[in-house]
N, C-alpha and C. Protein backbone atom coordinates (compact mmCIF):
# COMPACT_ATOMS: atom_id res chain seq x y z
N UNK A 1 -76.07 -47.61 -6.43
CA UNK A 1 -74.96 -48.63 -6.59
C UNK A 1 -74.30 -49.24 -5.39
N UNK A 2 -74.99 -48.95 -4.14
CA UNK A 2 -74.31 -49.72 -2.80
C UNK A 2 -74.32 -51.03 -3.33
N UNK A 3 -73.09 -51.54 -2.67
CA UNK A 3 -72.82 -53.00 -2.86
C UNK A 3 -72.15 -53.51 -4.12
N UNK A 4 -72.26 -52.76 -4.97
CA UNK A 4 -71.78 -53.01 -6.26
C UNK A 4 -70.20 -52.56 -6.14
N UNK A 5 -69.22 -53.88 -6.46
CA UNK A 5 -67.97 -53.81 -6.71
C UNK A 5 -67.61 -52.44 -7.68
N UNK A 6 -66.43 -51.42 -7.03
CA UNK A 6 -66.41 -50.30 -7.97
C UNK A 6 -64.67 -50.31 -8.08
N UNK A 7 -64.46 -50.22 -9.17
CA UNK A 7 -62.69 -50.16 -9.76
C UNK A 7 -62.41 -48.86 -9.41
N UNK A 8 -61.31 -48.54 -8.72
CA UNK A 8 -60.94 -47.02 -8.59
C UNK A 8 -59.61 -47.05 -9.39
N UNK A 9 -59.52 -45.75 -9.59
CA UNK A 9 -58.25 -45.26 -10.80
C UNK A 9 -57.06 -45.52 -10.25
N UNK A 10 -55.62 -45.10 -10.73
CA UNK A 10 -54.71 -45.27 -10.35
C UNK A 10 -54.36 -44.68 -8.81
N UNK A 11 -53.91 -45.35 -7.95
CA UNK A 11 -53.23 -44.72 -6.73
C UNK A 11 -52.03 -44.17 -6.85
N UNK A 12 -51.56 -43.27 -6.13
CA UNK A 12 -50.00 -42.38 -5.91
C UNK A 12 -48.98 -43.40 -6.59
N UNK A 13 -48.96 -44.47 -5.77
CA UNK A 13 -48.00 -45.26 -6.03
C UNK A 13 -47.88 -45.77 -7.51
N UNK A 14 -48.82 -45.64 -8.40
CA UNK A 14 -48.97 -46.42 -9.79
C UNK A 14 -48.74 -45.13 -10.82
N UNK A 15 -48.35 -43.95 -10.20
CA UNK A 15 -48.57 -42.97 -11.03
C UNK A 15 -47.18 -42.43 -11.27
N UNK A 16 -46.55 -41.84 -12.18
CA UNK A 16 -45.11 -41.33 -12.71
C UNK A 16 -45.40 -40.10 -13.50
N UNK A 17 -44.17 -39.25 -12.94
CA UNK A 17 -44.14 -37.96 -13.85
C UNK A 17 -44.01 -38.09 -15.14
N UNK A 18 -44.59 -37.50 -15.91
CA UNK A 18 -44.39 -37.56 -17.49
C UNK A 18 -45.46 -38.69 -18.05
N UNK A 19 -46.34 -39.18 -17.40
CA UNK A 19 -47.37 -39.90 -17.90
C UNK A 19 -48.58 -39.11 -18.48
N UNK A 20 -48.80 -39.57 -19.77
CA UNK A 20 -49.58 -38.65 -20.27
C UNK A 20 -51.12 -39.16 -20.69
N UNK A 21 -51.84 -38.51 -21.10
CA UNK A 21 -53.10 -38.82 -21.74
C UNK A 21 -53.62 -37.85 -23.08
N UNK A 22 -53.90 -38.34 -23.92
CA UNK A 22 -54.46 -37.08 -25.06
C UNK A 22 -55.74 -37.84 -25.66
N UNK A 23 -56.84 -37.03 -25.64
CA UNK A 23 -58.27 -37.35 -26.31
C UNK A 23 -58.71 -36.18 -27.27
N UNK A 24 -59.50 -36.66 -27.88
CA UNK A 24 -60.01 -35.67 -29.11
C UNK A 24 -61.54 -35.79 -28.87
N UNK A 25 -62.16 -34.52 -28.85
CA UNK A 25 -63.56 -34.27 -28.92
C UNK A 25 -64.16 -33.56 -30.01
N UNK A 26 -65.48 -33.90 -30.49
CA UNK A 26 -65.93 -32.92 -31.40
C UNK A 26 -67.21 -32.28 -30.55
N UNK A 27 -67.15 -30.96 -30.71
CA UNK A 27 -68.03 -30.15 -29.86
C UNK A 27 -69.61 -30.24 -30.75
N UNK A 28 -70.52 -30.91 -30.34
CA UNK A 28 -71.66 -30.97 -31.19
C UNK A 28 -72.77 -30.35 -30.32
N UNK A 29 -73.93 -29.86 -31.27
CA UNK A 29 -75.02 -29.20 -30.78
C UNK A 29 -75.72 -29.98 -29.52
N UNK A 30 -75.93 -31.28 -29.33
CA UNK A 30 -76.25 -31.76 -28.29
C UNK A 30 -75.65 -31.48 -27.03
N UNK A 31 -74.00 -31.42 -27.02
CA UNK A 31 -73.69 -31.03 -25.93
C UNK A 31 -73.71 -29.89 -25.38
N UNK A 32 -73.81 -28.71 -26.20
CA UNK A 32 -74.15 -27.49 -25.98
C UNK A 32 -75.63 -27.28 -25.16
N UNK A 33 -76.36 -27.94 -26.14
CA UNK A 33 -78.09 -27.75 -25.67
C UNK A 33 -77.93 -28.64 -24.13
N UNK A 34 -77.14 -29.74 -23.84
CA UNK A 34 -77.37 -30.23 -22.66
C UNK A 34 -76.73 -29.32 -21.72
N UNK A 35 -75.59 -28.63 -21.99
CA UNK A 35 -75.07 -27.91 -20.91
C UNK A 35 -75.81 -26.74 -20.76
N UNK A 36 -76.39 -25.95 -21.64
CA UNK A 36 -77.38 -24.74 -21.60
C UNK A 36 -78.66 -25.30 -20.67
N UNK A 37 -79.17 -26.45 -21.15
CA UNK A 37 -80.21 -26.96 -20.33
C UNK A 37 -79.81 -27.30 -18.70
N UNK A 38 -78.93 -27.80 -18.72
CA UNK A 38 -78.45 -28.67 -16.88
C UNK A 38 -78.23 -26.80 -16.23
N UNK A 39 -77.29 -26.01 -16.98
CA UNK A 39 -76.92 -24.94 -16.09
C UNK A 39 -78.03 -23.82 -16.13
N UNK A 40 -79.07 -23.74 -16.86
CA UNK A 40 -79.76 -22.50 -17.65
C UNK A 40 -78.90 -21.30 -17.48
N UNK A 41 -77.93 -21.52 -18.45
CA UNK A 41 -77.16 -20.53 -18.95
C UNK A 41 -77.56 -19.84 -20.18
N UNK A 42 -77.97 -18.55 -20.42
CA UNK A 42 -78.99 -18.08 -21.34
C UNK A 42 -78.08 -17.14 -21.99
N UNK A 43 -76.42 -17.00 -21.90
CA UNK A 43 -75.80 -16.17 -22.63
C UNK A 43 -75.97 -16.51 -24.00
N UNK A 44 -76.47 -15.34 -24.91
CA UNK A 44 -76.71 -15.47 -26.25
C UNK A 44 -75.63 -15.45 -27.18
N UNK A 45 -74.20 -15.58 -26.60
CA UNK A 45 -72.90 -15.63 -27.26
C UNK A 45 -72.81 -17.14 -27.31
N UNK A 46 -73.57 -18.19 -26.77
CA UNK A 46 -73.28 -19.54 -26.63
C UNK A 46 -74.28 -20.28 -27.56
N UNK A 47 -75.36 -19.61 -27.73
CA UNK A 47 -76.30 -20.33 -28.61
C UNK A 47 -76.95 -19.35 -29.90
N UNK A 48 -77.07 -18.17 -29.78
CA UNK A 48 -78.11 -17.33 -30.68
C UNK A 48 -76.91 -16.92 -31.72
N UNK A 49 -77.15 -17.34 -33.05
CA UNK A 49 -76.57 -17.33 -34.23
C UNK A 49 -76.33 -15.83 -34.62
N UNK A 50 -77.70 -15.52 -34.54
CA UNK A 50 -77.85 -13.92 -35.24
C UNK A 50 -76.82 -13.03 -33.97
N UNK A 51 -77.24 -12.92 -32.71
CA UNK A 51 -76.48 -12.32 -31.78
C UNK A 51 -75.15 -12.39 -32.14
N UNK A 52 -74.64 -13.71 -31.89
CA UNK A 52 -73.22 -13.95 -32.17
C UNK A 52 -72.26 -13.62 -33.37
N UNK A 53 -73.18 -13.17 -34.49
CA UNK A 53 -72.69 -12.74 -35.61
C UNK A 53 -72.40 -11.34 -35.50
N UNK A 54 -72.65 -10.50 -34.51
CA UNK A 54 -72.67 -9.09 -34.54
C UNK A 54 -71.59 -8.99 -33.28
N UNK A 55 -70.89 -9.81 -32.80
CA UNK A 55 -69.98 -9.58 -31.67
C UNK A 55 -68.70 -9.69 -32.56
N UNK A 56 -67.50 -9.83 -31.81
CA UNK A 56 -66.36 -9.77 -32.25
C UNK A 56 -66.09 -11.28 -32.58
N UNK A 57 -66.64 -12.07 -32.14
CA UNK A 57 -66.52 -13.51 -32.50
C UNK A 57 -67.01 -13.85 -33.94
N UNK A 58 -67.91 -13.30 -34.18
CA UNK A 58 -68.83 -13.78 -35.58
C UNK A 58 -69.71 -14.88 -35.61
N UNK A 59 -69.53 -15.69 -34.42
CA UNK A 59 -70.53 -16.73 -34.54
C UNK A 59 -70.50 -17.16 -33.20
N UNK A 60 -71.52 -18.31 -32.69
CA UNK A 60 -71.56 -18.76 -31.28
C UNK A 60 -69.97 -19.42 -30.79
N UNK A 61 -69.91 -19.33 -29.67
CA UNK A 61 -68.47 -20.11 -28.97
C UNK A 61 -69.17 -20.92 -28.09
N UNK A 62 -68.03 -22.04 -27.82
CA UNK A 62 -68.62 -22.89 -26.66
C UNK A 62 -68.06 -22.31 -25.52
N UNK A 63 -68.99 -22.51 -24.44
CA UNK A 63 -68.71 -21.80 -23.11
C UNK A 63 -67.42 -22.65 -22.52
N UNK A 64 -66.54 -21.90 -21.77
CA UNK A 64 -65.22 -22.47 -21.42
C UNK A 64 -65.18 -23.38 -20.48
N UNK A 65 -66.53 -23.48 -19.66
CA UNK A 65 -66.81 -24.42 -18.85
C UNK A 65 -66.83 -25.74 -19.18
N UNK A 66 -67.45 -25.77 -20.58
CA UNK A 66 -67.61 -27.17 -21.22
C UNK A 66 -66.22 -27.57 -21.54
N UNK A 67 -65.33 -26.93 -21.87
CA UNK A 67 -63.97 -27.26 -22.33
C UNK A 67 -63.54 -28.06 -20.54
N UNK A 68 -63.65 -26.80 -19.65
CA UNK A 68 -63.25 -27.76 -18.40
C UNK A 68 -64.03 -28.92 -18.14
N UNK A 69 -65.15 -29.11 -18.25
CA UNK A 69 -65.80 -30.59 -18.00
C UNK A 69 -65.13 -31.65 -18.73
N UNK A 70 -64.51 -31.25 -19.82
CA UNK A 70 -63.97 -32.64 -20.65
C UNK A 70 -62.90 -32.86 -19.96
N UNK A 71 -62.07 -31.69 -19.38
CA UNK A 71 -60.76 -32.16 -18.65
C UNK A 71 -61.09 -33.08 -17.37
N UNK A 72 -62.29 -32.26 -16.42
CA UNK A 72 -62.71 -33.27 -15.32
C UNK A 72 -63.12 -34.45 -15.86
N UNK A 73 -63.73 -34.78 -16.66
CA UNK A 73 -64.29 -36.33 -17.12
C UNK A 73 -62.86 -36.92 -17.59
N UNK A 74 -61.80 -36.57 -17.95
CA UNK A 74 -60.77 -37.27 -18.21
C UNK A 74 -60.06 -37.54 -17.04
N UNK A 75 -60.12 -36.82 -15.93
CA UNK A 75 -59.35 -36.95 -14.53
C UNK A 75 -60.30 -38.10 -14.15
N UNK A 76 -61.67 -38.06 -14.19
CA UNK A 76 -62.40 -38.98 -13.40
C UNK A 76 -62.32 -40.31 -14.17
N UNK A 77 -62.18 -40.37 -15.38
CA UNK A 77 -62.35 -41.79 -16.24
C UNK A 77 -60.95 -42.37 -16.21
N UNK A 78 -59.78 -41.42 -16.55
CA UNK A 78 -58.68 -42.12 -16.89
C UNK A 78 -57.24 -41.65 -16.16
N UNK A 79 -57.16 -40.47 -15.87
CA UNK A 79 -56.07 -40.13 -15.28
C UNK A 79 -55.71 -39.22 -14.07
N UNK A 80 -56.11 -39.64 -12.90
CA UNK A 80 -55.46 -41.14 -12.40
C UNK A 80 -56.96 -41.92 -12.68
N UNK A 81 -58.41 -41.52 -12.55
CA UNK A 81 -59.24 -42.28 -12.95
C UNK A 81 -60.42 -42.45 -11.88
N UNK A 82 -61.39 -43.29 -11.77
CA UNK A 82 -62.44 -43.14 -10.62
C UNK A 82 -61.63 -43.22 -9.41
N UNK A 83 -62.64 -42.26 -8.51
CA UNK A 83 -62.01 -41.98 -7.44
C UNK A 83 -61.40 -40.70 -6.91
N UNK A 84 -60.93 -40.15 -8.38
CA UNK A 84 -59.90 -38.99 -8.30
C UNK A 84 -60.68 -37.66 -8.09
N UNK A 85 -60.40 -36.82 -7.31
CA UNK A 85 -61.03 -35.41 -7.30
C UNK A 85 -60.14 -34.32 -7.58
N UNK A 86 -60.66 -33.38 -8.39
CA UNK A 86 -59.90 -32.06 -8.71
C UNK A 86 -60.02 -30.94 -7.55
N UNK A 87 -58.93 -30.84 -7.10
CA UNK A 87 -59.13 -29.80 -6.06
C UNK A 87 -58.86 -28.36 -6.14
N UNK A 88 -58.28 -28.17 -7.12
CA UNK A 88 -57.68 -26.85 -7.48
C UNK A 88 -57.52 -26.80 -9.05
N UNK A 89 -57.61 -25.73 -9.73
CA UNK A 89 -57.54 -25.52 -11.17
C UNK A 89 -57.07 -24.22 -11.37
N UNK A 90 -56.32 -24.10 -12.47
CA UNK A 90 -56.01 -22.79 -13.10
C UNK A 90 -55.82 -22.94 -14.48
N UNK A 91 -56.90 -22.52 -15.33
CA UNK A 91 -57.20 -22.80 -16.64
C UNK A 91 -57.07 -21.17 -17.43
N UNK A 92 -56.82 -21.54 -18.73
CA UNK A 92 -56.91 -20.10 -19.55
C UNK A 92 -57.27 -20.29 -20.66
N UNK A 93 -58.19 -19.59 -21.51
CA UNK A 93 -58.90 -19.82 -22.44
C UNK A 93 -58.19 -18.73 -23.35
N UNK A 94 -57.01 -18.88 -24.31
CA UNK A 94 -56.63 -17.72 -25.17
C UNK A 94 -57.43 -17.60 -26.34
N UNK A 95 -57.96 -18.45 -26.99
CA UNK A 95 -58.77 -18.49 -28.11
C UNK A 95 -60.23 -19.12 -27.85
N UNK A 96 -61.27 -18.46 -28.60
CA UNK A 96 -62.60 -19.12 -28.19
C UNK A 96 -62.80 -20.62 -29.13
N UNK A 97 -63.60 -21.21 -28.65
CA UNK A 97 -63.59 -22.67 -29.69
C UNK A 97 -65.14 -22.36 -30.25
N UNK A 98 -65.40 -22.54 -31.15
CA UNK A 98 -66.60 -22.55 -31.91
C UNK A 98 -67.27 -23.92 -32.20
N UNK A 99 -68.56 -23.93 -32.50
CA UNK A 99 -69.27 -24.93 -32.35
C UNK A 99 -68.87 -25.77 -33.55
N UNK A 100 -68.88 -27.10 -33.47
CA UNK A 100 -68.51 -28.21 -34.46
C UNK A 100 -67.08 -28.16 -34.48
N UNK A 101 -66.48 -27.61 -33.66
CA UNK A 101 -64.74 -27.71 -33.63
C UNK A 101 -64.38 -29.16 -33.20
N UNK A 102 -63.51 -29.61 -33.65
CA UNK A 102 -62.42 -30.93 -33.06
C UNK A 102 -61.31 -30.30 -32.17
N UNK A 103 -61.35 -30.64 -30.71
CA UNK A 103 -60.45 -30.23 -30.08
C UNK A 103 -59.84 -31.44 -29.34
N UNK A 104 -58.35 -31.52 -29.61
CA UNK A 104 -57.36 -32.33 -29.20
C UNK A 104 -56.95 -32.02 -27.58
N UNK A 105 -56.92 -32.82 -26.61
CA UNK A 105 -56.91 -32.61 -25.15
C UNK A 105 -55.32 -32.93 -24.81
N UNK A 106 -54.44 -32.64 -24.41
CA UNK A 106 -53.26 -33.50 -23.81
C UNK A 106 -53.28 -33.03 -22.20
N UNK A 107 -53.13 -34.03 -21.60
CA UNK A 107 -52.77 -33.93 -20.10
C UNK A 107 -51.81 -34.77 -19.74
N UNK A 108 -50.72 -34.19 -18.90
CA UNK A 108 -49.53 -34.69 -18.55
C UNK A 108 -49.14 -34.59 -17.13
N UNK A 109 -48.84 -35.38 -16.29
CA UNK A 109 -48.49 -35.32 -14.99
C UNK A 109 -47.14 -34.66 -14.75
N UNK A 110 -47.27 -33.51 -14.21
CA UNK A 110 -45.78 -32.77 -13.83
C UNK A 110 -45.12 -32.75 -12.72
N UNK A 111 -46.11 -33.42 -11.58
CA UNK A 111 -45.74 -33.46 -10.04
C UNK A 111 -46.58 -34.48 -9.13
N UNK A 112 -45.64 -34.99 -8.32
CA UNK A 112 -46.52 -36.08 -7.41
C UNK A 112 -46.03 -35.42 -5.97
N UNK A 113 -47.04 -35.52 -5.08
CA UNK A 113 -46.84 -34.74 -3.79
C UNK A 113 -47.33 -36.05 -2.97
N UNK A 114 -46.54 -36.96 -2.75
CA UNK A 114 -46.87 -38.15 -2.01
C UNK A 114 -47.36 -37.93 -0.45
N UNK A 115 -46.79 -36.84 0.13
CA UNK A 115 -47.42 -36.66 1.52
C UNK A 115 -48.86 -36.37 1.50
N UNK A 116 -49.45 -35.61 0.43
CA UNK A 116 -50.93 -35.28 0.43
C UNK A 116 -51.68 -35.99 -0.79
N UNK A 117 -50.89 -37.18 -1.28
CA UNK A 117 -51.59 -37.78 -2.22
C UNK A 117 -52.24 -36.82 -3.27
N UNK A 118 -51.44 -36.12 -3.49
CA UNK A 118 -51.93 -35.12 -4.89
C UNK A 118 -51.39 -34.99 -6.08
N UNK A 119 -51.31 -34.88 -7.12
CA UNK A 119 -51.06 -34.95 -8.49
C UNK A 119 -51.17 -33.68 -9.15
N UNK A 120 -50.07 -33.21 -9.66
CA UNK A 120 -50.39 -32.12 -10.57
C UNK A 120 -50.40 -32.25 -12.29
N UNK A 121 -51.30 -32.21 -12.61
CA UNK A 121 -51.24 -32.30 -14.18
C UNK A 121 -51.73 -31.21 -15.15
N UNK A 122 -50.28 -31.01 -16.01
CA UNK A 122 -50.50 -30.20 -16.99
C UNK A 122 -51.57 -30.13 -17.86
N UNK A 123 -52.32 -29.13 -18.50
CA UNK A 123 -53.72 -29.34 -19.47
C UNK A 123 -53.20 -28.46 -20.78
N UNK A 124 -53.45 -29.00 -22.12
CA UNK A 124 -53.24 -28.30 -23.22
C UNK A 124 -54.44 -28.75 -23.82
N UNK A 125 -55.09 -27.49 -24.90
CA UNK A 125 -55.71 -28.04 -25.84
C UNK A 125 -55.73 -27.58 -27.15
N UNK A 126 -55.78 -28.10 -27.90
CA UNK A 126 -55.59 -27.48 -29.47
C UNK A 126 -56.75 -27.72 -30.38
N UNK A 127 -57.39 -26.39 -31.28
CA UNK A 127 -58.46 -26.88 -32.07
C UNK A 127 -57.85 -27.14 -33.42
N UNK A 128 -58.72 -27.52 -34.17
CA UNK A 128 -58.43 -28.32 -35.25
C UNK A 128 -57.83 -27.09 -36.56
N UNK A 129 -57.51 -26.04 -36.03
CA UNK A 129 -56.54 -25.02 -36.76
C UNK A 129 -55.35 -25.08 -36.21
N UNK A 130 -54.91 -25.90 -34.98
CA UNK A 130 -53.65 -25.89 -34.43
C UNK A 130 -53.56 -24.85 -33.45
N UNK A 131 -54.41 -24.42 -33.19
CA UNK A 131 -54.39 -23.25 -32.22
C UNK A 131 -54.50 -23.58 -30.53
N UNK A 132 -53.77 -22.87 -29.84
CA UNK A 132 -54.20 -23.22 -28.30
C UNK A 132 -55.09 -22.58 -27.72
N UNK A 133 -56.48 -23.29 -27.37
CA UNK A 133 -57.59 -23.11 -27.25
C UNK A 133 -57.58 -22.91 -25.58
N UNK A 134 -56.87 -23.70 -24.92
CA UNK A 134 -56.86 -23.88 -23.27
C UNK A 134 -55.49 -24.30 -22.97
N UNK A 135 -54.95 -23.67 -21.74
CA UNK A 135 -53.91 -24.20 -21.16
C UNK A 135 -54.02 -23.95 -19.53
N UNK A 136 -53.22 -24.66 -18.90
CA UNK A 136 -52.96 -24.45 -17.37
C UNK A 136 -52.85 -25.87 -16.85
N UNK A 137 -53.19 -25.69 -15.45
CA UNK A 137 -52.84 -27.09 -14.65
C UNK A 137 -54.18 -27.52 -13.85
N UNK A 138 -54.05 -28.52 -13.31
CA UNK A 138 -55.11 -29.09 -12.29
C UNK A 138 -54.52 -29.97 -11.36
N UNK A 139 -54.69 -29.55 -9.99
CA UNK A 139 -54.47 -30.34 -9.01
C UNK A 139 -55.16 -31.46 -8.81
N UNK A 140 -54.98 -32.73 -8.45
CA UNK A 140 -55.86 -33.76 -8.30
C UNK A 140 -55.49 -34.43 -6.91
N UNK A 141 -56.67 -34.80 -6.11
CA UNK A 141 -56.61 -35.75 -5.05
C UNK A 141 -56.69 -37.38 -5.59
N UNK A 142 -55.76 -38.02 -5.54
CA UNK A 142 -55.84 -39.10 -6.10
C UNK A 142 -56.73 -40.29 -5.32
N UNK A 143 -57.01 -41.26 -6.04
CA UNK A 143 -58.14 -42.29 -5.50
C UNK A 143 -57.28 -43.00 -4.28
N UNK A 144 -58.00 -43.30 -3.32
CA UNK A 144 -57.39 -43.99 -1.79
C UNK A 144 -58.59 -44.94 -1.47
N UNK A 145 -57.78 -46.14 -1.34
CA UNK A 145 -58.78 -47.24 -1.09
C UNK A 145 -58.90 -47.19 0.72
N UNK A 146 -60.25 -47.32 1.03
CA UNK A 146 -60.55 -47.27 2.34
C UNK A 146 -59.73 -48.40 3.30
N UNK A 147 -60.03 -48.28 4.41
CA UNK A 147 -59.67 -49.46 5.24
C UNK A 147 -60.45 -50.69 4.82
N UNK A 148 -61.85 -50.50 4.58
CA UNK A 148 -62.75 -51.57 4.60
C UNK A 148 -62.36 -52.12 3.21
N UNK A 149 -61.68 -51.52 2.22
CA UNK A 149 -61.38 -52.11 0.79
C UNK A 149 -60.50 -52.99 1.10
N UNK A 150 -59.25 -52.48 1.80
CA UNK A 150 -57.74 -53.16 1.94
C UNK A 150 -57.93 -54.31 2.66
N UNK A 151 -58.94 -54.26 3.95
CA UNK A 151 -59.42 -55.42 4.60
C UNK A 151 -59.81 -56.66 3.89
N UNK A 152 -60.99 -56.17 2.99
CA UNK A 152 -61.67 -57.27 2.31
C UNK A 152 -60.86 -57.85 1.32
N UNK A 153 -59.71 -57.12 0.71
CA UNK A 153 -58.89 -57.69 -0.10
C UNK A 153 -58.02 -58.59 0.30
N UNK A 154 -57.97 -58.61 1.62
CA UNK A 154 -56.97 -59.38 2.57
C UNK A 154 -57.89 -60.60 2.99
N UNK A 155 -58.99 -60.60 2.77
CA UNK A 155 -60.03 -61.63 3.28
C UNK A 155 -60.35 -61.49 4.79
N UNK A 156 -60.18 -60.28 5.17
CA UNK A 156 -60.15 -60.31 6.74
C UNK A 156 -61.83 -59.92 6.74
N UNK A 157 -62.44 -59.28 6.03
CA UNK A 157 -64.10 -59.03 5.92
C UNK A 157 -64.72 -60.02 5.23
N UNK A 158 -65.81 -60.25 5.70
CA UNK A 158 -66.94 -61.23 4.45
C UNK A 158 -66.44 -62.51 4.94
N UNK A 159 -65.91 -62.86 6.14
CA UNK A 159 -65.73 -64.27 6.39
C UNK A 159 -64.89 -64.84 5.42
N UNK A 160 -63.95 -64.62 5.00
CA UNK A 160 -62.75 -65.08 4.10
C UNK A 160 -61.70 -65.39 4.86
């Protein structure tokens, strides 16, 4: 994608404490199969119905890292958006998520650190039974324009 103009997400000055994002995801077999294929994760608890039926869960569960991936994608796409990067996370998974569950994710900015261009975002996820399946926070480095991008916008680069 070299040479293509990329839109970056919100910079620190554009963010506010209390800013929120919510999204709903349905966990489908295709998502689970992609994850298992990409990671070579062979945990039978995630995909083998016969095995999982004999465990305390009674059925296959969704790998917690998949839920983390949904949060990572929300940060990358929306809050703050493209160019943002998670540098620290602390997430808890108090209840398993089962295949085909519908999970609602809630992200909210709780802290802005102007000196470091870092934002703290609280994360909560609720399953279709209204129970918490994930909680915690992520610390995100916000997108920053490079000097080249700033000069280009001012018309100093590219002969403008």
